[in-house]
Amino acid sequence: MKLKKLILVVLTTFITCQLSAQDISHNQSGSFSLNKVYIDLVGKAATLNGDWGLFGGIRAGYNFNENFSLGLIAHGLIPEKIGSSYINQDNRDELHLGYGGVEATYKLTVSDKFLLNGMMMIGAGRADYENLGGDDYFFIVEPGVAFNYRLTDWFGLGYSLNYRFSSGVNYADFSNASFSGLSTDLSFKFGF
C-alpha cells in the first residue's frame, strides 16, 4: 500500500511539472544572459502530518543578475484523498492549508542547458478545518536545492528537493512537526 502511494505521489509530481523562468538566452555576442522576470507553475508533494500531501503553487520573481533572484511563492494543499491515512478522508473534516513567502535563489550555471539553484523561502502559513472553525497562522522556513533544464530561451523544467520547517503551529491536534518535513516539486519555468 505504501509503495502504491509513493508511486502515485511521484507520478503526480512529474505530471504537474513546474515551469520556471530562471532561463538563459543567447545575446548577439554569443554569451548568455538571464531573462529578467520569471514565473513558475509548481506541483509539490510534501510530507504532511506523517503522510504525503499534494500542493499546487506559483512562483514569480526577478533575476537581479546571472546568480541571484528574488521572488514570491505561494502553495495550497490540493484536497484529494491519496491513501487511507491522507489528511482529507471521506466523512472527515477537510483541512485547508496554504503557505508562501519571499524566496531568494542563488543560481550556478553548470552548462548552457543546466542550472543548479540553492533556495531559501521565508514566510507564513495558514491552516483551518472546513467545519471545525477557527484557524492558525504560523511561520515557515523552506531551504532547498533545484536542478533546472533549459528547453528553449524562454521555457524550462525544474526539479527541487526542500525541507519545510514550521514554527508556531497550534491548531486542533497539529504541532510544528505536523507541517514540517521533506518536499519535492516539479516546475514549468517561463522567462520574460
N, C-alpha and C. Protein backbone atom coordinates (compact mmCIF):
# COMPACT_ATOMS: atom_id res chain seq x y z
N MET A 1 0.83 -1.20 0.00
CA MET A 1 0.00 0.00 0.00
C MET A 1 0.87 1.25 0.00
N LYS A 2 1.93 1.27 0.82
CA LYS A 2 2.81 2.44 0.86
C LYS A 2 3.52 2.63 -0.47
N LEU A 3 3.88 1.52 -1.13
CA LEU A 3 4.54 1.61 -2.43
C LEU A 3 3.60 2.22 -3.46
N LYS A 4 2.31 1.86 -3.41
CA LYS A 4 1.33 2.44 -4.32
C LYS A 4 1.21 3.94 -4.09
N LYS A 5 1.20 4.35 -2.82
CA LYS A 5 1.12 5.77 -2.51
C LYS A 5 2.35 6.51 -3.00
N LEU A 6 3.52 5.93 -2.79
CA LEU A 6 4.76 6.56 -3.23
C LEU A 6 4.79 6.69 -4.75
N ILE A 7 4.40 5.66 -5.46
CA ILE A 7 4.36 5.70 -6.93
C ILE A 7 3.37 6.77 -7.39
N LEU A 8 2.20 6.84 -6.75
CA LEU A 8 1.21 7.84 -7.10
C LEU A 8 1.74 9.25 -6.86
N VAL A 9 2.41 9.48 -5.74
CA VAL A 9 2.98 10.79 -5.44
C VAL A 9 4.04 11.17 -6.48
N VAL A 10 4.93 10.24 -6.80
CA VAL A 10 6.00 10.52 -7.77
C VAL A 10 5.40 10.81 -9.15
N LEU A 11 4.47 9.99 -9.60
CA LEU A 11 3.85 10.21 -10.91
C LEU A 11 3.09 11.53 -10.95
N THR A 12 2.36 11.85 -9.90
CA THR A 12 1.62 13.10 -9.86
C THR A 12 2.57 14.29 -9.89
N THR A 13 3.68 14.17 -9.17
CA THR A 13 4.66 15.25 -9.17
C THR A 13 5.20 15.47 -10.57
N PHE A 14 5.54 14.41 -11.26
CA PHE A 14 6.07 14.56 -12.61
C PHE A 14 5.02 15.09 -13.58
N ILE A 15 3.76 14.69 -13.40
CA ILE A 15 2.70 15.16 -14.29
C ILE A 15 2.43 16.64 -14.08
N THR A 16 2.47 17.10 -12.83
CA THR A 16 2.21 18.51 -12.54
C THR A 16 3.52 19.29 -12.51
N CYS A 17 4.27 19.18 -13.55
CA CYS A 17 5.58 19.81 -13.68
C CYS A 17 5.56 21.28 -13.33
N GLN A 18 6.71 21.79 -12.88
CA GLN A 18 6.87 23.20 -12.61
C GLN A 18 7.59 23.84 -13.77
N LEU A 19 7.15 25.00 -14.16
CA LEU A 19 7.83 25.74 -15.21
C LEU A 19 8.42 26.97 -14.57
N SER A 20 9.73 27.13 -14.69
CA SER A 20 10.27 28.34 -14.09
C SER A 20 11.14 29.08 -15.05
N ALA A 21 11.25 30.36 -14.81
CA ALA A 21 11.85 31.20 -15.81
C ALA A 21 13.24 31.68 -15.46
N GLN A 22 13.99 30.95 -14.72
CA GLN A 22 15.38 31.31 -14.49
C GLN A 22 16.14 30.76 -15.67
N ASP A 23 15.80 31.24 -16.83
CA ASP A 23 16.19 30.69 -18.10
C ASP A 23 17.35 31.49 -18.67
N ILE A 24 18.16 30.85 -19.49
CA ILE A 24 19.30 31.51 -20.11
C ILE A 24 18.98 31.73 -21.58
N SER A 25 19.27 32.91 -22.10
CA SER A 25 19.08 33.16 -23.52
C SER A 25 20.36 33.70 -24.12
N HIS A 26 20.57 33.42 -25.40
CA HIS A 26 21.75 33.92 -26.10
C HIS A 26 21.54 35.37 -26.48
N ASN A 27 22.61 36.18 -26.35
CA ASN A 27 22.53 37.54 -26.88
C ASN A 27 23.39 37.62 -28.13
N GLN A 28 23.47 38.80 -28.74
CA GLN A 28 24.15 38.96 -30.02
C GLN A 28 25.62 38.56 -29.97
N SER A 29 26.29 38.75 -28.86
CA SER A 29 27.73 38.46 -28.78
C SER A 29 28.01 36.97 -28.56
N GLY A 30 26.96 36.15 -28.43
CA GLY A 30 27.15 34.72 -28.24
C GLY A 30 27.26 34.33 -26.78
N SER A 31 27.28 35.30 -25.86
CA SER A 31 27.31 34.96 -24.44
C SER A 31 25.88 34.76 -23.95
N PHE A 32 25.71 34.41 -22.69
CA PHE A 32 24.39 34.12 -22.15
C PHE A 32 23.93 35.24 -21.24
N SER A 33 22.64 35.46 -21.21
CA SER A 33 22.05 36.40 -20.26
C SER A 33 20.74 35.81 -19.77
N LEU A 34 20.42 36.07 -18.52
CA LEU A 34 19.18 35.56 -17.96
C LEU A 34 18.01 36.42 -18.35
N ASN A 35 16.84 35.81 -18.54
CA ASN A 35 15.61 36.58 -18.67
C ASN A 35 15.38 37.24 -17.32
N LYS A 36 14.91 38.48 -17.33
CA LYS A 36 14.80 39.24 -16.08
C LYS A 36 13.63 38.80 -15.19
N VAL A 37 12.47 38.54 -15.77
CA VAL A 37 11.29 38.19 -14.99
C VAL A 37 10.97 36.71 -15.21
N TYR A 38 10.57 36.03 -14.16
CA TYR A 38 10.22 34.62 -14.30
C TYR A 38 8.92 34.29 -13.58
N ILE A 39 8.22 33.31 -14.10
CA ILE A 39 7.01 32.77 -13.50
C ILE A 39 7.11 31.25 -13.59
N ASP A 40 6.92 30.56 -12.47
CA ASP A 40 6.97 29.10 -12.42
C ASP A 40 5.61 28.57 -11.97
N LEU A 41 5.15 27.52 -12.60
CA LEU A 41 3.98 26.78 -12.14
C LEU A 41 4.51 25.55 -11.42
N VAL A 42 4.09 25.35 -10.19
CA VAL A 42 4.71 24.36 -9.31
C VAL A 42 3.73 23.28 -8.89
N GLY A 43 4.16 22.03 -8.99
CA GLY A 43 3.45 20.89 -8.43
C GLY A 43 4.34 20.29 -7.35
N LYS A 44 3.84 20.17 -6.14
CA LYS A 44 4.66 19.78 -4.99
C LYS A 44 4.04 18.60 -4.26
N ALA A 45 4.88 17.63 -3.90
CA ALA A 45 4.49 16.55 -2.99
C ALA A 45 5.27 16.78 -1.71
N ALA A 46 4.56 16.86 -0.59
CA ALA A 46 5.22 17.21 0.67
C ALA A 46 4.68 16.35 1.81
N THR A 47 5.57 16.07 2.78
CA THR A 47 5.11 15.36 3.96
C THR A 47 4.18 16.27 4.74
N LEU A 48 3.13 15.66 5.26
CA LEU A 48 2.10 16.42 5.96
C LEU A 48 1.48 15.52 7.02
N ASN A 49 1.73 15.82 8.27
CA ASN A 49 1.17 15.08 9.39
C ASN A 49 1.47 13.58 9.29
N GLY A 50 2.70 13.25 8.90
CA GLY A 50 3.12 11.86 8.85
C GLY A 50 2.83 11.14 7.55
N ASP A 51 2.23 11.80 6.56
CA ASP A 51 1.95 11.20 5.27
C ASP A 51 2.29 12.22 4.19
N TRP A 52 1.83 12.00 2.96
CA TRP A 52 2.13 12.89 1.86
C TRP A 52 0.90 13.67 1.44
N GLY A 53 1.10 14.93 1.08
CA GLY A 53 0.04 15.77 0.54
C GLY A 53 0.49 16.38 -0.77
N LEU A 54 -0.46 16.71 -1.62
CA LEU A 54 -0.16 17.35 -2.90
C LEU A 54 -0.50 18.83 -2.83
N PHE A 55 0.40 19.66 -3.34
CA PHE A 55 0.22 21.10 -3.35
C PHE A 55 0.36 21.61 -4.77
N GLY A 56 -0.39 22.64 -5.09
CA GLY A 56 -0.20 23.38 -6.32
C GLY A 56 0.33 24.75 -5.94
N GLY A 57 1.10 25.37 -6.83
CA GLY A 57 1.63 26.67 -6.47
C GLY A 57 2.14 27.46 -7.66
N ILE A 58 2.57 28.68 -7.34
CA ILE A 58 3.13 29.57 -8.34
C ILE A 58 4.28 30.35 -7.71
N ARG A 59 5.27 30.62 -8.52
CA ARG A 59 6.44 31.39 -8.10
C ARG A 59 6.65 32.48 -9.16
N ALA A 60 6.91 33.70 -8.74
CA ALA A 60 7.20 34.80 -9.66
C ALA A 60 8.28 35.67 -9.05
N GLY A 61 9.17 36.16 -9.89
CA GLY A 61 10.24 36.99 -9.35
C GLY A 61 11.07 37.67 -10.41
N TYR A 62 12.19 38.20 -9.96
CA TYR A 62 13.08 39.00 -10.79
C TYR A 62 14.52 38.50 -10.63
N ASN A 63 15.20 38.30 -11.76
CA ASN A 63 16.62 37.94 -11.75
C ASN A 63 17.44 39.23 -11.72
N PHE A 64 18.12 39.49 -10.61
CA PHE A 64 18.93 40.70 -10.49
C PHE A 64 20.20 40.60 -11.32
N ASN A 65 20.78 39.41 -11.38
CA ASN A 65 21.94 39.16 -12.23
C ASN A 65 21.95 37.66 -12.54
N GLU A 66 23.02 37.16 -13.12
CA GLU A 66 23.05 35.75 -13.51
C GLU A 66 23.10 34.79 -12.33
N ASN A 67 23.36 35.30 -11.12
CA ASN A 67 23.47 34.42 -9.96
C ASN A 67 22.40 34.60 -8.89
N PHE A 68 21.69 35.72 -8.86
CA PHE A 68 20.78 35.99 -7.75
C PHE A 68 19.41 36.43 -8.25
N SER A 69 18.37 35.83 -7.67
CA SER A 69 16.99 36.27 -7.95
C SER A 69 16.20 36.31 -6.65
N LEU A 70 15.15 37.11 -6.68
CA LEU A 70 14.29 37.28 -5.52
C LEU A 70 12.85 37.25 -6.02
N GLY A 71 11.99 36.49 -5.33
CA GLY A 71 10.62 36.39 -5.78
C GLY A 71 9.66 36.04 -4.67
N LEU A 72 8.41 35.88 -5.05
CA LEU A 72 7.34 35.48 -4.14
C LEU A 72 6.84 34.11 -4.58
N ILE A 73 6.43 33.31 -3.60
CA ILE A 73 5.95 31.97 -3.89
C ILE A 73 4.74 31.67 -3.00
N ALA A 74 3.78 30.92 -3.53
CA ALA A 74 2.60 30.53 -2.76
C ALA A 74 2.20 29.09 -3.12
N HIS A 75 1.84 28.30 -2.11
CA HIS A 75 1.41 26.91 -2.29
C HIS A 75 0.09 26.69 -1.56
N GLY A 76 -0.76 25.85 -2.13
CA GLY A 76 -2.01 25.48 -1.48
C GLY A 76 -2.22 23.98 -1.56
N LEU A 77 -2.69 23.39 -0.48
CA LEU A 77 -2.97 21.96 -0.41
C LEU A 77 -4.11 21.62 -1.35
N ILE A 78 -3.92 20.60 -2.17
CA ILE A 78 -4.98 20.10 -3.06
C ILE A 78 -5.75 19.06 -2.26
N PRO A 79 -7.02 19.33 -1.96
CA PRO A 79 -7.77 18.45 -1.05
C PRO A 79 -8.29 17.19 -1.73
N GLU A 80 -7.40 16.26 -2.02
CA GLU A 80 -7.79 14.99 -2.61
C GLU A 80 -7.25 13.86 -1.76
N LYS A 81 -7.98 12.80 -1.69
CA LYS A 81 -7.56 11.62 -0.92
C LYS A 81 -6.56 10.81 -1.74
N ILE A 82 -5.39 10.54 -1.18
CA ILE A 82 -4.38 9.73 -1.85
C ILE A 82 -4.44 8.30 -1.33
N GLY A 83 -4.51 8.16 -0.05
CA GLY A 83 -4.49 6.83 0.55
C GLY A 83 -5.29 6.83 1.83
N SER A 84 -5.24 5.72 2.55
CA SER A 84 -6.08 5.56 3.73
C SER A 84 -5.72 6.52 4.85
N SER A 85 -4.47 6.98 4.92
CA SER A 85 -4.11 7.86 6.03
C SER A 85 -3.94 9.31 5.59
N TYR A 86 -4.34 9.65 4.35
CA TYR A 86 -4.23 11.03 3.89
C TYR A 86 -5.12 11.92 4.74
N ILE A 87 -4.70 13.15 4.94
CA ILE A 87 -5.37 14.03 5.89
C ILE A 87 -6.83 14.31 5.53
N ASN A 88 -7.17 14.39 4.25
CA ASN A 88 -8.55 14.67 3.85
C ASN A 88 -9.24 13.39 3.40
N GLN A 89 -9.89 12.71 4.33
CA GLN A 89 -10.58 11.46 4.04
C GLN A 89 -12.08 11.69 3.94
N ASP A 90 -12.76 10.76 3.29
CA ASP A 90 -14.22 10.84 3.22
C ASP A 90 -14.80 10.83 4.63
N ASN A 91 -15.88 11.55 4.81
CA ASN A 91 -16.59 11.64 6.08
C ASN A 91 -15.74 12.26 7.19
N ARG A 92 -14.72 13.00 6.83
CA ARG A 92 -13.91 13.72 7.81
C ARG A 92 -13.87 15.19 7.42
N ASP A 93 -13.56 16.03 8.37
CA ASP A 93 -13.43 17.46 8.11
C ASP A 93 -12.25 17.70 7.16
N GLU A 94 -12.42 18.60 6.21
CA GLU A 94 -11.38 18.86 5.21
C GLU A 94 -10.42 19.95 5.68
N LEU A 95 -9.13 19.64 5.63
CA LEU A 95 -8.09 20.59 6.02
C LEU A 95 -7.79 21.53 4.86
N HIS A 96 -7.75 22.82 5.16
CA HIS A 96 -7.28 23.83 4.21
C HIS A 96 -5.93 24.30 4.71
N LEU A 97 -4.90 24.21 3.88
CA LEU A 97 -3.55 24.60 4.27
C LEU A 97 -2.90 25.32 3.11
N GLY A 98 -2.33 26.45 3.39
CA GLY A 98 -1.60 27.20 2.38
C GLY A 98 -0.41 27.90 3.03
N TYR A 99 0.63 28.12 2.23
CA TYR A 99 1.77 28.87 2.74
C TYR A 99 2.51 29.54 1.60
N GLY A 100 3.28 30.53 1.95
CA GLY A 100 4.05 31.25 0.95
C GLY A 100 4.96 32.25 1.60
N GLY A 101 5.70 32.97 0.77
CA GLY A 101 6.61 33.96 1.30
C GLY A 101 7.57 34.48 0.24
N VAL A 102 8.66 35.02 0.73
CA VAL A 102 9.72 35.57 -0.12
C VAL A 102 10.77 34.49 -0.31
N GLU A 103 11.22 34.31 -1.56
CA GLU A 103 12.22 33.29 -1.85
C GLU A 103 13.43 33.93 -2.52
N ALA A 104 14.60 33.71 -1.93
CA ALA A 104 15.87 34.14 -2.51
C ALA A 104 16.54 32.91 -3.13
N THR A 105 17.12 33.10 -4.33
CA THR A 105 17.72 31.99 -5.05
C THR A 105 19.11 32.37 -5.54
N TYR A 106 20.06 31.47 -5.31
CA TYR A 106 21.40 31.60 -5.88
C TYR A 106 21.53 30.56 -6.97
N LYS A 107 21.92 31.00 -8.18
CA LYS A 107 22.00 30.11 -9.33
C LYS A 107 23.45 29.89 -9.74
N LEU A 108 23.77 28.64 -10.02
CA LEU A 108 25.08 28.27 -10.54
C LEU A 108 24.86 27.65 -11.92
N THR A 109 25.45 28.26 -12.95
CA THR A 109 25.31 27.74 -14.31
C THR A 109 26.29 26.60 -14.51
N VAL A 110 25.77 25.40 -14.68
CA VAL A 110 26.59 24.21 -14.89
C VAL A 110 26.99 24.10 -16.35
N SER A 111 26.04 24.36 -17.26
CA SER A 111 26.29 24.39 -18.70
C SER A 111 25.26 25.32 -19.31
N ASP A 112 25.24 25.44 -20.63
CA ASP A 112 24.25 26.32 -21.25
C ASP A 112 22.84 25.75 -21.16
N LYS A 113 22.67 24.51 -20.74
CA LYS A 113 21.35 23.88 -20.58
C LYS A 113 20.96 23.64 -19.12
N PHE A 114 21.94 23.47 -18.23
CA PHE A 114 21.66 23.09 -16.84
C PHE A 114 22.02 24.19 -15.85
N LEU A 115 21.14 24.37 -14.86
CA LEU A 115 21.38 25.28 -13.75
C LEU A 115 21.18 24.53 -12.44
N LEU A 116 21.99 24.83 -11.46
CA LEU A 116 21.85 24.30 -10.11
C LEU A 116 21.52 25.49 -9.22
N ASN A 117 20.41 25.40 -8.47
CA ASN A 117 19.95 26.51 -7.63
C ASN A 117 19.93 26.11 -6.16
N GLY A 118 20.32 27.04 -5.32
CA GLY A 118 20.11 26.94 -3.88
C GLY A 118 19.05 27.96 -3.51
N MET A 119 18.01 27.56 -2.78
CA MET A 119 16.89 28.45 -2.49
C MET A 119 16.61 28.51 -1.00
N MET A 120 16.03 29.65 -0.58
CA MET A 120 15.57 29.81 0.80
C MET A 120 14.28 30.63 0.77
N MET A 121 13.20 30.01 1.24
CA MET A 121 11.92 30.70 1.34
C MET A 121 11.61 30.97 2.80
N ILE A 122 11.23 32.20 3.10
CA ILE A 122 10.82 32.59 4.45
C ILE A 122 9.44 33.21 4.34
N GLY A 123 8.49 32.69 5.12
CA GLY A 123 7.14 33.21 5.00
C GLY A 123 6.23 32.73 6.11
N ALA A 124 4.96 32.61 5.77
CA ALA A 124 3.94 32.24 6.74
C ALA A 124 2.96 31.25 6.11
N GLY A 125 2.25 30.55 6.98
CA GLY A 125 1.23 29.61 6.53
C GLY A 125 -0.04 29.79 7.32
N ARG A 126 -1.11 29.20 6.80
CA ARG A 126 -2.40 29.26 7.47
C ARG A 126 -3.08 27.90 7.33
N ALA A 127 -3.69 27.42 8.40
CA ALA A 127 -4.41 26.15 8.40
C ALA A 127 -5.76 26.33 9.06
N ASP A 128 -6.77 25.63 8.51
CA ASP A 128 -8.08 25.58 9.16
C ASP A 128 -8.82 24.35 8.65
N TYR A 129 -9.76 23.90 9.45
CA TYR A 129 -10.67 22.84 9.03
C TYR A 129 -11.95 23.49 8.53
N GLU A 130 -12.57 22.87 7.53
CA GLU A 130 -13.77 23.44 6.92
C GLU A 130 -14.92 23.55 7.92
N ASN A 131 -15.14 22.52 8.73
CA ASN A 131 -16.29 22.52 9.64
C ASN A 131 -15.94 22.85 11.09
N LEU A 132 -14.73 22.60 11.51
CA LEU A 132 -14.34 22.81 12.91
C LEU A 132 -14.36 24.29 13.28
N GLY A 133 -13.95 25.13 12.37
CA GLY A 133 -13.89 26.56 12.65
C GLY A 133 -12.55 26.93 13.24
N GLY A 134 -12.32 28.22 13.34
CA GLY A 134 -11.04 28.73 13.82
C GLY A 134 -9.96 28.52 12.77
N ASP A 135 -8.81 29.06 13.04
CA ASP A 135 -7.68 28.89 12.14
C ASP A 135 -6.39 29.16 12.90
N ASP A 136 -5.27 28.96 12.22
CA ASP A 136 -3.97 29.19 12.84
C ASP A 136 -3.00 29.71 11.79
N TYR A 137 -2.23 30.69 12.16
CA TYR A 137 -1.16 31.23 11.31
C TYR A 137 0.17 30.83 11.94
N PHE A 138 1.14 30.50 11.11
CA PHE A 138 2.42 30.05 11.62
C PHE A 138 3.54 30.46 10.68
N PHE A 139 4.77 30.35 11.18
CA PHE A 139 5.98 30.76 10.48
C PHE A 139 6.55 29.57 9.71
N ILE A 140 7.06 29.81 8.50
CA ILE A 140 7.63 28.76 7.64
C ILE A 140 9.00 29.20 7.13
N VAL A 141 9.96 28.28 7.17
CA VAL A 141 11.26 28.45 6.50
C VAL A 141 11.46 27.19 5.67
N GLU A 142 11.80 27.37 4.38
CA GLU A 142 11.95 26.21 3.50
C GLU A 142 13.20 26.36 2.61
N PRO A 143 14.32 25.79 3.07
CA PRO A 143 15.51 25.77 2.20
C PRO A 143 15.41 24.61 1.20
N GLY A 144 16.12 24.75 0.08
CA GLY A 144 16.08 23.68 -0.90
C GLY A 144 17.15 23.82 -1.97
N VAL A 145 17.22 22.81 -2.81
CA VAL A 145 18.13 22.79 -3.94
C VAL A 145 17.32 22.37 -5.16
N ALA A 146 17.61 22.99 -6.32
CA ALA A 146 16.86 22.69 -7.55
C ALA A 146 17.82 22.42 -8.70
N PHE A 147 17.38 21.54 -9.58
CA PHE A 147 18.08 21.22 -10.81
C PHE A 147 17.18 21.67 -11.96
N ASN A 148 17.65 22.61 -12.78
CA ASN A 148 16.84 23.17 -13.85
C ASN A 148 17.44 22.85 -15.21
N TYR A 149 16.57 22.59 -16.16
CA TYR A 149 17.00 22.28 -17.52
C TYR A 149 16.30 23.23 -18.48
N ARG A 150 17.07 23.92 -19.30
CA ARG A 150 16.55 24.89 -20.25
C ARG A 150 16.19 24.18 -21.55
N LEU A 151 14.93 24.23 -21.94
CA LEU A 151 14.48 23.63 -23.19
C LEU A 151 14.56 24.64 -24.34
N THR A 152 14.14 25.88 -24.09
CA THR A 152 14.23 26.96 -25.07
C THR A 152 14.73 28.20 -24.35
N ASP A 153 14.82 29.31 -25.07
CA ASP A 153 15.27 30.56 -24.44
C ASP A 153 14.30 31.08 -23.39
N TRP A 154 13.04 30.67 -23.46
CA TRP A 154 12.03 31.20 -22.54
C TRP A 154 11.32 30.13 -21.71
N PHE A 155 11.69 28.86 -21.86
CA PHE A 155 10.98 27.79 -21.17
C PHE A 155 11.95 26.73 -20.66
N GLY A 156 11.67 26.22 -19.46
CA GLY A 156 12.49 25.15 -18.90
C GLY A 156 11.71 24.33 -17.90
N LEU A 157 12.36 23.29 -17.40
CA LEU A 157 11.79 22.42 -16.38
C LEU A 157 12.70 22.43 -15.16
N GLY A 158 12.13 22.28 -13.99
CA GLY A 158 12.92 22.24 -12.77
C GLY A 158 12.43 21.15 -11.83
N TYR A 159 13.36 20.58 -11.09
CA TYR A 159 13.04 19.59 -10.06
C TYR A 159 13.77 20.03 -8.79
N SER A 160 13.08 20.07 -7.67
CA SER A 160 13.74 20.51 -6.44
C SER A 160 13.41 19.61 -5.26
N LEU A 161 14.32 19.60 -4.31
CA LEU A 161 14.15 18.94 -3.02
C LEU A 161 14.24 20.02 -1.96
N ASN A 162 13.29 20.02 -1.02
CA ASN A 162 13.22 21.05 0.01
C ASN A 162 12.94 20.39 1.36
N TYR A 163 13.16 21.17 2.42
CA TYR A 163 12.73 20.75 3.74
C TYR A 163 12.01 21.94 4.37
N ARG A 164 10.76 21.73 4.77
CA ARG A 164 9.93 22.79 5.35
C ARG A 164 10.00 22.72 6.87
N PHE A 165 10.39 23.83 7.49
CA PHE A 165 10.39 23.97 8.95
C PHE A 165 9.21 24.87 9.33
N SER A 166 8.35 24.40 10.23
CA SER A 166 7.20 25.18 10.69
C SER A 166 7.36 25.50 12.17
N SER A 167 6.93 26.68 12.56
CA SER A 167 7.01 27.08 13.96
C SER A 167 5.75 27.88 14.32
N GLY A 168 5.23 27.63 15.51
CA GLY A 168 4.05 28.35 15.97
C GLY A 168 2.74 27.67 15.62
N VAL A 169 2.78 26.39 15.22
CA VAL A 169 1.55 25.66 14.88
C VAL A 169 0.85 25.27 16.18
N ASN A 170 -0.41 25.70 16.30
CA ASN A 170 -1.19 25.39 17.50
C ASN A 170 -2.67 25.35 17.10
N TYR A 171 -3.03 24.33 16.33
CA TYR A 171 -4.40 24.23 15.84
C TYR A 171 -4.85 22.77 15.89
N ALA A 172 -6.02 22.56 16.43
CA ALA A 172 -6.60 21.22 16.56
C ALA A 172 -5.54 20.28 17.15
N ASP A 173 -5.29 19.15 16.50
CA ASP A 173 -4.29 18.20 17.02
C ASP A 173 -2.96 18.32 16.28
N PHE A 174 -2.71 19.46 15.62
CA PHE A 174 -1.47 19.65 14.88
C PHE A 174 -0.41 20.32 15.73
N SER A 175 0.86 20.00 15.41
CA SER A 175 2.00 20.63 16.07
C SER A 175 2.97 21.10 14.99
N ASN A 176 4.10 21.68 15.39
CA ASN A 176 5.12 22.10 14.43
C ASN A 176 5.56 20.94 13.54
N ALA A 177 5.69 19.75 14.13
CA ALA A 177 6.13 18.57 13.37
C ALA A 177 5.11 18.15 12.32
N SER A 178 3.82 18.47 12.53
CA SER A 178 2.78 18.09 11.57
C SER A 178 2.99 18.73 10.20
N PHE A 179 3.47 19.97 10.19
CA PHE A 179 3.63 20.70 8.94
C PHE A 179 5.09 20.85 8.53
N SER A 180 6.02 20.25 9.25
CA SER A 180 7.44 20.27 8.88
C SER A 180 7.76 18.98 8.16
N GLY A 181 8.70 19.04 7.22
CA GLY A 181 9.10 17.81 6.56
C GLY A 181 9.63 18.01 5.15
N LEU A 182 10.01 16.91 4.56
CA LEU A 182 10.59 16.87 3.23
C LEU A 182 9.53 17.16 2.17
N SER A 183 9.95 17.82 1.11
CA SER A 183 9.07 18.02 -0.04
C SER A 183 9.89 17.98 -1.32
N THR A 184 9.22 17.67 -2.39
CA THR A 184 9.84 17.64 -3.71
C THR A 184 8.87 18.27 -4.68
N ASP A 185 9.39 19.00 -5.63
CA ASP A 185 8.48 19.60 -6.59
C ASP A 185 9.06 19.63 -8.00
N LEU A 186 8.14 19.71 -8.92
CA LEU A 186 8.46 19.79 -10.33
C LEU A 186 7.83 21.07 -10.84
N SER A 187 8.57 21.84 -11.64
CA SER A 187 8.04 23.12 -12.09
C SER A 187 8.25 23.35 -13.57
N PHE A 188 7.29 24.06 -14.16
CA PHE A 188 7.40 24.58 -15.52
C PHE A 188 7.89 26.01 -15.37
N LYS A 189 8.97 26.36 -16.02
CA LYS A 189 9.63 27.65 -15.82
C LYS A 189 9.50 28.50 -17.08
N PHE A 190 8.98 29.73 -16.90
CA PHE A 190 8.84 30.66 -18.02
C PHE A 190 9.65 31.91 -17.73
N GLY A 191 10.41 32.39 -18.71
CA GLY A 191 11.21 33.59 -18.56
C GLY A 191 10.81 34.66 -19.55
N PHE A 192 10.80 35.91 -19.10
CA PHE A 192 10.40 37.03 -19.95
C PHE A 192 11.47 38.10 -19.95
